[in-house]
Amino acid sequence: MPDVVIVGGGIAGLAAAYELSRQGVGCVVLERHARPGGVIFSEEVDGFTIDGGPDSLLVQKPAGIQLCQELGLGARLVPTKLPRVAYILRAGTLHALPARSVLGIPTRLKPFLESQLFSWPGKLRMGAELFVPRRQDDSGDESIGAFITRRFGREAATYIAEPLLAGIHAGDVDRLSVRALFPQFVEAERTHGSLLRAFRARQSAIRDGDGVFRSLPGGLSELVRTLVQSLPPGTVQTGAAVAMVSNRPSTDSSPDAVESSPRFLVERASGAVVEARAVILAAPAFVTSTLIRDYDADLSRLCSEIPYTSSAAIVLAFDRQTVRHPLNGSGFVVPRVEGSTLLAVSWLSSKWPGRAPDDRVLLRAFVGGARDPHALERSDEELVREALTALTPLLGIAAPPLLSRVYRWEHANAQHEVGHLARMAAIERALLRHPGLYVTGSGFRGTGIPDCIADGRSTARAVATWLAAQPGLGARG
């Protein structure tokens, strides 16, 4: 019998298992799908290396980089290729983000003034952010759209906040919480009175000639494979769907027996039951809600209130000579006002080394999210056709693709909307009623890969500490 059962084998659950193993605590990971890794999925196809889900780790959030280094993958981490330029589509034309921008926020005057992305009235309003007073009541939540509009104006919200800040979460800019997703913005306003002032100072202090993103030559699935291989054999069980988590009634009233006996019963869909002293629910919040519905209806309700969106990644490969655009950068995002079916497009062969043969290009288009919630109802053929229709005039594509792949991510994008932090506080209070029960994953405390790794490991350390404090138990492998 394992001390801990982890339900969900995405990156948060795997990181929790890794940390428990380091702490000397035995565990098992039950993953319902045929492979671990969740939204992380890479494959080699006809000489192309494709990430169907996330493709990078952010350097400024070090948990992902640190885990790679601990697993012996540090030397394999690669930066993005030069030039590190991202574009925004406006009026049918791709415009480069001003150099040295931070999440779209300009930090240098000359590149900002020279940019054709913003109108002169828009530039003047954005520059006036230096003089916008701090929010007087800084205790309440605010949407990303409201925050950026208040500080930089409507044009910045339309062409930065909506496609870039909300776009990376496939969410609605007027619903996503700035406090939950971009707390550094709120802190910059509080401490410096201006994001321009704060980020300019930060850019002066931080110099990274290799950019802010890293990946692995085989895609991020290389991290998942190495992570699974680092665990004791049999730790990760795939095709192991869980139906319910319940409390195990004790038949012995002595204090030591109560504390050292299994507290939880994890019932698999197959009917098999796994006993455990602690459970980490590392599944999507709506799955967690279902698993504990009969155990704690209030906690289940709180988890069910965390919304998710669906998206698809459409990967296309071409002969280099059939694409007129130089593809000199990492790709572009598409504001909602452009009326396109696309959310964003990554130029994978220009973004990362070794992703395509030298005479080929590899592109990845994103659709769906809050902007197009019915995208996954369309067939692969329809999604490919729509992507080609949008990309052909923009990039000057003169021939059909050599390869096409569609990766569907149903209910995979957790939406930390306004009020999420208050909901999380209520979830944390509810968990206090159930010692030994924990949650982690993108639906709860952080959506990105580094955030999930950090929270998975932090949750595992909390579990190990709690187990060690139980009479007659302690950490056991």
Protein backbone atom coordinates (compact mmCIF):
# COMPACT_ATOMS: atom_id res chain seq x y z
CA MET A 1 0.00 0.00 0.00
CA PRO A 2 1.47 3.41 -0.96
CA ASP A 3 1.49 6.21 1.58
CA VAL A 4 0.20 8.63 -1.06
CA VAL A 5 -2.02 8.27 -4.12
CA ILE A 6 -1.69 11.00 -6.73
CA VAL A 7 -4.69 11.24 -9.04
CA GLY A 8 -3.54 12.71 -12.34
CA GLY A 9 -0.29 12.23 -14.22
CA GLY A 10 0.10 15.67 -15.77
CA ILE A 11 3.21 17.69 -15.01
CA ALA A 12 1.92 18.78 -11.57
CA GLY A 13 1.19 15.19 -10.50
CA LEU A 14 4.53 13.94 -11.85
CA ALA A 15 6.39 16.75 -10.11
CA ALA A 16 4.62 15.85 -6.86
CA ALA A 17 5.62 12.20 -7.28
CA TYR A 18 9.22 13.23 -7.97
CA GLU A 19 9.37 15.35 -4.83
CA LEU A 20 7.75 12.65 -2.69
CA SER A 21 10.34 10.18 -3.94
CA ARG A 22 13.08 12.63 -2.95
CA GLN A 23 11.48 12.90 0.47
CA GLY A 24 11.44 9.12 0.87
CA VAL A 25 7.65 8.83 0.70
CA GLY A 26 6.12 6.01 -1.34
CA CYS A 27 3.44 6.97 -3.84
CA VAL A 28 1.56 5.86 -6.91
CA VAL A 29 0.31 8.06 -9.76
CA LEU A 30 -3.00 7.05 -11.35
CA GLU A 31 -3.41 8.57 -14.83
CA ARG A 32 -6.58 7.90 -16.79
CA HIS A 33 -5.07 8.42 -20.23
CA ALA A 34 -2.69 6.12 -22.09
CA ARG A 35 0.29 8.40 -21.52
CA PRO A 36 1.45 10.73 -18.74
CA GLY A 37 2.24 14.39 -19.24
CA GLY A 38 -1.20 15.95 -19.69
CA VAL A 39 -1.05 18.79 -22.23
CA ILE A 40 2.67 18.20 -22.79
CA PHE A 41 2.94 16.10 -25.93
CA SER A 42 5.77 15.98 -28.46
CA GLU A 43 6.35 13.71 -31.42
CA GLU A 44 8.74 13.18 -34.33
CA VAL A 45 7.04 13.10 -37.73
CA ASP A 46 8.90 12.91 -41.06
CA GLY A 47 11.94 14.75 -39.75
CA PHE A 48 9.91 17.37 -37.84
CA THR A 49 9.87 17.71 -34.05
CA ILE A 50 6.41 18.85 -33.03
CA ASP A 51 5.07 20.06 -29.69
CA GLY A 52 1.32 19.66 -29.83
CA GLY A 53 0.96 21.48 -26.52
CA PRO A 54 3.29 23.84 -24.63
CA ASP A 55 6.76 24.16 -26.16
CA SER A 56 8.77 26.26 -23.71
CA LEU A 57 9.83 26.91 -20.13
CA LEU A 58 10.02 30.48 -18.85
CA VAL A 59 13.41 31.34 -17.36
CA GLN A 60 11.97 33.93 -14.94
CA LYS A 61 9.94 31.15 -13.29
CA PRO A 62 12.83 28.85 -12.41
CA ALA A 63 10.98 25.71 -11.26
CA GLY A 64 10.96 24.17 -14.74
CA ILE A 65 14.62 24.94 -15.42
CA GLN A 66 15.62 23.68 -11.98
CA LEU A 67 13.79 20.39 -12.48
CA CYS A 68 15.54 19.89 -15.82
CA GLN A 69 18.89 20.48 -14.16
CA GLU A 70 18.11 18.02 -11.35
CA LEU A 71 17.16 15.39 -13.94
CA GLY A 72 20.40 15.86 -15.87
CA LEU A 73 18.73 17.75 -18.72
CA GLY A 74 20.29 21.12 -17.99
CA ALA A 75 22.89 20.85 -20.76
CA ARG A 76 20.17 19.97 -23.27
CA LEU A 77 18.13 23.12 -22.70
CA VAL A 78 18.16 25.33 -25.78
CA PRO A 79 17.18 29.01 -26.18
CA THR A 80 15.03 30.42 -28.94
CA LYS A 81 16.72 31.36 -32.20
CA LEU A 82 17.51 34.90 -33.26
CA PRO A 83 15.86 37.23 -33.99
CA ARG A 84 13.61 37.04 -30.94
CA VAL A 85 10.78 39.04 -32.40
CA ALA A 86 7.06 38.51 -31.89
CA TYR A 87 4.40 40.15 -34.04
CA ILE A 88 0.83 41.36 -33.62
CA LEU A 89 -1.65 41.39 -36.48
CA ARG A 90 -3.33 44.75 -37.06
CA ALA A 91 -5.42 45.65 -40.09
CA GLY A 92 -4.10 42.62 -41.94
CA THR A 93 -0.43 43.51 -41.41
CA LEU A 94 2.08 41.94 -39.02
CA HIS A 95 3.75 44.51 -36.74
CA ALA A 96 6.70 43.66 -34.51
CA LEU A 97 6.34 44.27 -30.80
CA PRO A 98 8.68 47.11 -29.78
CA ALA A 99 12.10 45.79 -28.79
CA ARG A 100 12.68 45.13 -25.08
CA SER A 101 8.97 44.90 -24.31
CA VAL A 102 7.93 42.99 -21.19
CA LEU A 103 4.74 41.01 -21.81
CA GLY A 104 3.94 43.61 -24.45
CA ILE A 105 4.65 46.55 -22.14
CA PRO A 106 7.28 48.81 -23.80
CA THR A 107 10.34 49.69 -21.73
CA ARG A 108 12.38 51.68 -24.27
CA LEU A 109 11.23 54.94 -25.83
CA LYS A 110 12.86 54.81 -29.27
CA PRO A 111 11.55 51.37 -30.38
CA PHE A 112 8.13 52.28 -29.00
CA LEU A 113 7.93 55.57 -30.91
CA GLU A 114 9.16 53.92 -34.13
CA SER A 115 6.62 51.08 -33.92
CA GLN A 116 3.76 51.10 -36.44
CA LEU A 117 1.66 48.88 -34.18
CA PHE A 118 0.05 51.74 -32.26
CA SER A 119 -1.53 54.98 -33.43
CA TRP A 120 -0.07 58.27 -32.18
CA PRO A 121 -3.06 58.88 -29.88
CA GLY A 122 -2.56 55.34 -28.58
CA LYS A 123 1.14 55.96 -27.99
CA LEU A 124 0.43 59.19 -26.12
CA ARG A 125 -2.11 57.46 -23.90
CA MET A 126 0.28 54.59 -23.19
CA GLY A 127 3.08 56.98 -22.33
CA ALA A 128 0.75 58.82 -19.96
CA GLU A 129 0.70 55.65 -17.82
CA LEU A 130 3.59 57.25 -15.94
CA PHE A 131 1.12 59.77 -14.54
CA VAL A 132 -1.88 57.53 -13.87
CA PRO A 133 -2.41 57.40 -10.10
CA ARG A 134 -2.33 54.15 -8.20
CA ARG A 135 -5.62 52.41 -7.63
CA GLN A 136 -6.89 53.65 -4.28
CA ASP A 137 -8.60 50.42 -3.24
CA ASP A 138 -5.96 47.77 -3.99
CA SER A 139 -7.72 45.00 -2.08
CA GLY A 140 -10.24 44.03 -4.75
CA ASP A 141 -9.72 41.94 -7.87
CA GLU A 142 -9.75 43.33 -11.40
CA SER A 143 -9.81 41.86 -14.88
CA ILE A 144 -6.74 42.04 -17.10
CA GLY A 145 -8.71 44.14 -19.56
CA ALA A 146 -9.86 46.62 -16.92
CA PHE A 147 -6.37 46.92 -15.47
CA ILE A 148 -4.62 47.57 -18.79
CA THR A 149 -7.36 49.96 -19.95
CA ARG A 150 -7.14 51.91 -16.72
CA ARG A 151 -3.38 52.25 -16.88
CA PHE A 152 -2.60 52.31 -20.64
CA GLY A 153 -5.86 52.99 -22.46
CA ARG A 154 -8.22 51.07 -24.71
CA GLU A 155 -5.81 50.64 -27.63
CA ALA A 156 -3.29 48.87 -25.42
CA ALA A 157 -6.05 46.62 -24.11
CA THR A 158 -7.13 45.80 -27.66
CA TYR A 159 -3.70 45.08 -29.14
CA ILE A 160 -1.68 43.89 -26.11
CA ALA A 161 -3.91 42.68 -23.29
CA GLU A 162 -6.48 40.79 -25.35
CA PRO A 163 -4.30 38.85 -27.83
CA LEU A 164 -1.16 38.52 -25.74
CA LEU A 165 -1.97 38.49 -22.02
CA ALA A 166 -5.38 36.79 -22.29
CA GLY A 167 -4.40 34.90 -25.42
CA ILE A 168 -1.72 32.81 -23.74
CA HIS A 169 -4.48 31.50 -21.46
CA ALA A 170 -7.03 31.13 -24.30
CA GLY A 171 -9.29 33.30 -22.18
CA ASP A 172 -11.51 36.37 -22.10
CA VAL A 173 -9.52 39.51 -21.29
CA ASP A 174 -12.52 41.03 -19.50
CA ARG A 175 -12.96 38.00 -17.22
CA LEU A 176 -9.42 36.80 -16.40
CA SER A 177 -8.00 38.00 -13.09
CA VAL A 178 -4.94 40.23 -13.20
CA ARG A 179 -4.19 39.40 -9.55
CA ALA A 180 -4.24 35.66 -10.18
CA LEU A 181 -2.37 35.62 -13.51
CA PHE A 182 -0.17 38.72 -13.52
CA PRO A 183 0.43 39.63 -9.87
CA GLN A 184 3.66 41.36 -10.94
CA PHE A 185 1.53 44.01 -12.65
CA VAL A 186 -0.41 44.70 -9.47
CA GLU A 187 2.79 44.77 -7.42
CA ALA A 188 4.49 47.11 -9.91
CA GLU A 189 1.61 49.57 -9.61
CA ARG A 190 1.64 49.33 -5.83
CA THR A 191 5.38 49.77 -5.34
CA HIS A 192 6.40 51.99 -8.27
CA GLY A 193 3.15 53.74 -9.14
CA SER A 194 3.75 52.86 -12.81
CA LEU A 195 4.38 49.69 -14.81
CA LEU A 196 6.55 51.61 -17.28
CA ARG A 197 8.76 52.83 -14.46
CA ALA A 198 8.92 49.40 -12.79
CA PHE A 199 9.63 47.37 -15.94
CA ARG A 200 12.19 49.85 -17.24
CA ALA A 201 14.12 49.45 -13.98
CA ARG A 202 13.78 45.67 -14.17
CA GLN A 203 15.04 45.54 -17.76
CA SER A 204 18.06 47.58 -16.76
CA ALA A 205 18.86 45.12 -13.99
CA ILE A 206 18.24 41.91 -15.95
CA ARG A 207 20.23 41.04 -19.04
CA ASP A 208 19.77 37.65 -20.67
CA GLY A 209 21.44 37.35 -24.04
CA ASP A 210 19.77 33.99 -24.65
CA GLY A 211 16.20 35.22 -24.22
CA VAL A 212 13.61 34.21 -21.65
CA PHE A 213 12.45 30.84 -23.01
CA ARG A 214 14.05 27.39 -23.10
CA SER A 215 13.04 24.06 -24.59
CA LEU A 216 14.53 20.62 -25.21
CA PRO A 217 15.67 19.21 -28.58
CA GLY A 218 13.05 16.47 -28.47
CA GLY A 219 10.28 18.80 -27.28
CA LEU A 220 8.95 19.05 -23.74
CA SER A 221 7.91 15.39 -23.73
CA GLU A 222 11.60 14.75 -23.19
CA LEU A 223 11.13 16.26 -19.72
CA VAL A 224 8.10 14.04 -19.06
CA ARG A 225 9.90 10.85 -20.14
CA THR A 226 12.96 11.63 -18.03
CA LEU A 227 10.80 12.53 -15.05
CA VAL A 228 8.87 9.25 -15.25
CA GLN A 229 12.10 7.27 -15.65
CA SER A 230 13.50 8.90 -12.50
CA LEU A 231 10.68 7.46 -10.38
CA PRO A 232 10.68 3.95 -8.90
CA PRO A 233 9.33 1.34 -11.37
CA GLY A 234 5.55 1.07 -11.30
CA THR A 235 5.00 4.52 -9.77
CA VAL A 236 3.12 5.87 -12.79
CA GLN A 237 0.14 3.79 -13.89
CA THR A 238 -1.60 4.82 -17.11
CA GLY A 239 -5.08 3.81 -18.21
CA ALA A 240 -5.98 3.97 -14.51
CA ALA A 241 -9.08 6.17 -14.31
CA VAL A 242 -10.34 7.00 -10.82
CA ALA A 243 -14.05 7.05 -10.07
CA MET A 244 -14.23 8.27 -6.49
CA VAL A 245 -12.23 9.28 -3.43
CA SER A 246 -13.72 8.59 -0.02
CA ASN A 247 -12.76 8.48 3.62
CA ARG A 248 -11.92 5.11 5.13
CA PRO A 249 -13.87 4.44 8.31
CA SER A 250 -11.68 3.28 11.16
CA THR A 251 -12.54 0.20 13.23
CA ASP A 252 -9.93 0.95 15.90
CA SER A 253 -10.43 3.90 18.25
CA SER A 254 -6.91 3.98 19.72
CA PRO A 255 -5.05 7.21 18.82
CA ASP A 256 -2.05 5.49 17.22
CA ALA A 257 -4.26 3.19 15.14
CA VAL A 258 -6.38 6.06 13.90
CA GLU A 259 -3.37 8.10 12.82
CA SER A 260 -1.35 5.29 11.22
CA SER A 261 -4.19 3.51 9.42
CA PRO A 262 -5.16 4.42 5.86
CA ARG A 263 -7.42 7.48 5.76
CA PHE A 264 -8.57 7.30 2.14
CA LEU A 265 -10.04 4.87 -0.32
CA VAL A 266 -9.36 5.64 -3.98
CA GLU A 267 -11.78 3.69 -6.13
CA ARG A 268 -10.68 3.11 -9.71
CA ALA A 269 -13.13 2.91 -12.60
CA SER A 270 -12.23 -0.77 -12.88
CA GLY A 271 -13.64 -1.32 -9.40
CA ALA A 272 -10.25 -1.86 -7.76
CA VAL A 273 -9.68 0.12 -4.56
CA VAL A 274 -6.36 1.62 -3.46
CA GLU A 275 -5.87 2.58 0.19
CA ALA A 276 -3.70 5.54 1.10
CA ARG A 277 -2.84 7.75 4.04
CA ALA A 278 -2.87 10.86 1.89
CA VAL A 279 -4.25 11.80 -1.52
CA ILE A 280 -3.10 14.49 -3.93
CA LEU A 281 -5.73 15.40 -6.51
CA ALA A 282 -3.69 16.61 -9.49
CA ALA A 283 -6.51 16.37 -12.02
CA PRO A 284 -8.39 19.24 -13.70
CA ALA A 285 -10.63 21.04 -11.22
CA PHE A 286 -13.83 19.72 -12.82
CA VAL A 287 -12.51 16.15 -12.53
CA THR A 288 -11.52 16.75 -8.91
CA SER A 289 -15.05 18.03 -8.30
CA THR A 290 -16.54 14.78 -9.59
CA LEU A 291 -14.19 12.58 -7.57
CA ILE A 292 -15.08 14.20 -4.23
CA ARG A 293 -18.77 14.93 -4.84
CA ASP A 294 -19.92 12.37 -2.27
CA TYR A 295 -17.05 13.14 0.08
CA ASP A 296 -17.47 16.91 0.49
CA ALA A 297 -20.23 18.55 -1.54
CA ASP A 298 -19.10 22.08 -0.67
CA LEU A 299 -15.49 21.48 -1.76
CA SER A 300 -16.78 19.75 -4.89
CA ARG A 301 -18.92 22.77 -5.73
CA LEU A 302 -15.99 25.17 -5.31
CA CYS A 303 -13.85 23.10 -7.66
CA SER A 304 -16.65 22.84 -10.22
CA GLU A 305 -16.87 26.65 -10.41
CA ILE A 306 -13.39 26.94 -11.98
CA PRO A 307 -14.06 27.28 -15.73
CA TYR A 308 -12.00 25.82 -18.58
CA THR A 309 -11.76 26.51 -22.30
CA SER A 310 -10.86 24.21 -25.17
CA SER A 311 -8.40 24.83 -27.99
CA ALA A 312 -6.67 23.14 -30.88
CA ALA A 313 -3.17 23.41 -32.33
CA ILE A 314 -2.94 22.99 -36.10
CA VAL A 315 0.56 22.12 -37.28
CA LEU A 316 1.50 22.66 -40.92
CA ALA A 317 4.78 22.00 -42.78
CA PHE A 318 5.85 23.46 -46.13
CA ASP A 319 8.81 23.59 -48.49
CA ARG A 320 10.69 26.75 -47.57
CA GLN A 321 10.56 28.09 -51.12
CA THR A 322 6.74 28.00 -51.11
CA VAL A 323 6.43 30.47 -48.21
CA ARG A 324 7.26 34.03 -49.23
CA HIS A 325 7.38 35.56 -45.73
CA PRO A 326 10.89 35.49 -44.17
CA LEU A 327 9.45 34.18 -40.87
CA ASN A 328 12.04 36.25 -39.04
CA GLY A 329 10.83 35.77 -35.50
CA SER A 330 8.85 33.44 -33.27
CA GLY A 331 5.34 34.09 -34.61
CA PHE A 332 2.35 36.37 -34.06
CA VAL A 333 -0.84 36.83 -32.07
CA VAL A 334 -4.20 37.91 -33.45
CA PRO A 335 -6.42 40.45 -31.66
CA ARG A 336 -10.12 39.67 -31.49
CA VAL A 337 -10.96 42.82 -33.46
CA GLU A 338 -9.23 41.34 -36.53
CA GLY A 339 -12.12 38.91 -36.93
CA SER A 340 -9.83 35.96 -37.67
CA THR A 341 -10.39 32.36 -36.65
CA LEU A 342 -6.78 32.29 -35.41
CA LEU A 343 -5.64 33.11 -31.88
CA ALA A 344 -1.92 32.92 -32.58
CA VAL A 345 0.66 31.30 -34.84
CA SER A 346 4.11 30.03 -33.88
CA TRP A 347 6.82 29.76 -36.53
CA LEU A 348 8.34 26.68 -34.91
CA SER A 349 11.18 26.22 -37.39
CA SER A 350 12.25 29.84 -36.83
CA LYS A 351 11.64 29.76 -33.08
CA TRP A 352 13.62 26.65 -32.10
CA PRO A 353 16.70 24.97 -33.59
CA GLY A 354 16.34 21.53 -35.15
CA ARG A 355 12.55 21.45 -35.41
CA ALA A 356 12.48 21.05 -39.21
CA PRO A 357 14.87 20.14 -42.04
CA ASP A 358 16.73 23.18 -43.39
CA ASP A 359 14.65 23.35 -46.57
CA ARG A 360 11.30 23.13 -44.74
CA VAL A 361 9.25 25.35 -42.45
CA LEU A 362 7.02 24.27 -39.57
CA LEU A 363 4.08 26.39 -38.40
CA ARG A 364 1.58 25.94 -35.58
CA ALA A 365 -1.74 27.80 -35.46
CA PHE A 366 -4.02 28.01 -32.43
CA VAL A 367 -7.80 28.25 -32.50
CA GLY A 368 -10.63 28.04 -30.00
CA GLY A 369 -10.45 29.36 -26.46
CA ALA A 370 -13.01 31.78 -25.06
CA ARG A 371 -13.11 33.54 -28.44
CA ASP A 372 -14.34 30.46 -30.34
CA PRO A 373 -15.74 27.95 -27.83
CA HIS A 374 -17.17 25.72 -30.58
CA ALA A 375 -13.90 25.28 -32.51
CA LEU A 376 -13.48 21.64 -31.47
CA GLU A 377 -16.85 20.78 -32.97
CA ARG A 378 -15.27 21.20 -36.41
CA SER A 379 -13.42 18.35 -38.12
CA ASP A 380 -9.65 18.21 -38.55
CA GLU A 381 -10.10 18.91 -42.25
CA GLU A 382 -12.17 22.02 -41.52
CA LEU A 383 -9.64 23.32 -38.99
CA VAL A 384 -6.74 22.80 -41.39
CA ARG A 385 -8.66 24.49 -44.19
CA GLU A 386 -9.53 27.49 -42.01
CA ALA A 387 -5.93 27.87 -40.88
CA LEU A 388 -4.66 27.75 -44.46
CA THR A 389 -7.26 30.29 -45.56
CA ALA A 390 -6.07 32.72 -42.88
CA LEU A 391 -2.34 32.08 -43.28
CA THR A 392 -2.02 32.01 -47.07
CA PRO A 393 -2.36 35.77 -47.70
CA LEU A 394 -0.44 36.72 -44.56
CA LEU A 395 2.60 34.56 -45.22
CA GLY A 396 2.44 34.24 -48.99
CA ILE A 397 1.96 30.47 -49.05
CA ALA A 398 2.05 29.16 -52.61
CA ALA A 399 1.57 25.40 -52.21
CA PRO A 400 -0.39 22.88 -50.12
CA PRO A 401 1.22 21.69 -46.87
CA LEU A 402 3.55 18.72 -46.90
CA LEU A 403 2.19 17.68 -43.52
CA SER A 404 -0.73 18.63 -41.30
CA ARG A 405 -1.58 17.59 -37.78
CA VAL A 406 -4.37 18.69 -35.43
CA TYR A 407 -3.95 18.43 -31.65
CA ARG A 408 -7.16 18.83 -29.71
CA TRP A 409 -7.15 20.04 -26.10
CA GLU A 410 -10.66 19.73 -24.73
CA HIS A 411 -11.31 21.62 -21.48
CA ALA A 412 -7.54 21.93 -21.02
CA ASN A 413 -7.12 25.66 -20.37
CA ALA A 414 -7.98 26.61 -16.78
CA GLN A 415 -9.48 30.08 -16.50
CA HIS A 416 -8.43 32.01 -13.42
CA GLU A 417 -11.16 34.60 -13.67
CA VAL A 418 -11.89 37.55 -11.39
CA GLY A 419 -12.59 36.11 -7.96
CA HIS A 420 -10.29 33.10 -8.44
CA LEU A 421 -8.06 33.96 -5.49
CA ALA A 422 -11.07 34.26 -3.19
CA ARG A 423 -12.34 30.91 -4.46
CA MET A 424 -8.91 29.36 -3.84
CA ALA A 425 -8.95 30.70 -0.29
CA ALA A 426 -12.31 28.99 0.23
CA ILE A 427 -10.91 25.76 -1.24
CA GLU A 428 -7.93 25.94 1.12
CA ARG A 429 -10.27 26.41 4.08
CA ALA A 430 -12.39 23.46 2.97
CA LEU A 431 -9.30 21.25 2.67
CA LEU A 432 -8.49 21.96 6.31
CA ARG A 433 -11.51 19.80 7.17
CA HIS A 434 -9.78 16.82 5.55
CA PRO A 435 -6.22 16.32 6.79
CA GLY A 436 -4.26 14.35 4.21
CA LEU A 437 -6.23 15.59 1.19
CA TYR A 438 -4.48 18.03 -1.16
CA VAL A 439 -5.03 19.60 -4.60
CA THR A 440 -2.58 20.80 -7.21
CA GLY A 441 -2.57 21.50 -10.94
CA SER A 442 -3.31 24.30 -13.37
CA GLY A 443 -6.86 24.81 -12.15
CA PHE A 444 -5.76 25.94 -8.72
CA ARG A 445 -2.58 27.94 -8.03
CA GLY A 446 -0.84 28.46 -11.36
CA THR A 447 -1.47 27.71 -15.01
CA GLY A 448 1.96 27.53 -16.68
CA ILE A 449 4.32 24.55 -16.74
CA PRO A 450 6.80 26.11 -14.25
CA ASP A 451 3.92 27.10 -11.95
CA CYS A 452 2.52 23.56 -12.01
CA ILE A 453 5.94 22.06 -11.31
CA ALA A 454 6.51 24.45 -8.41
CA ASP A 455 3.08 23.84 -6.91
CA GLY A 456 3.27 20.07 -7.38
CA ARG A 457 6.58 19.94 -5.53
CA SER A 458 5.41 22.34 -2.82
CA THR A 459 2.29 20.24 -2.30
CA ALA A 460 4.41 17.09 -2.04
CA ARG A 461 6.61 18.70 0.60
CA ALA A 462 3.51 19.62 2.59
CA VAL A 463 2.29 16.02 2.35
CA ALA A 464 5.66 14.65 3.49
CA THR A 465 5.70 17.03 6.45
CA TRP A 466 2.16 16.07 7.42
CA LEU A 467 2.89 12.34 7.18
CA ALA A 468 6.05 12.69 9.24
CA ALA A 469 4.00 14.29 12.03
CA GLN A 470 1.57 11.38 12.26
CA PRO A 471 2.21 9.03 15.24
CA GLY A 472 3.64 5.69 14.21
CA LEU A 473 4.12 6.73 10.61
CA GLY A 474 6.76 9.20 9.42
CA ALA A 475 8.26 9.14 5.93
CA ARG A 476 8.41 5.64 4.48
CA GLY A 477 9.43 4.50 1.03
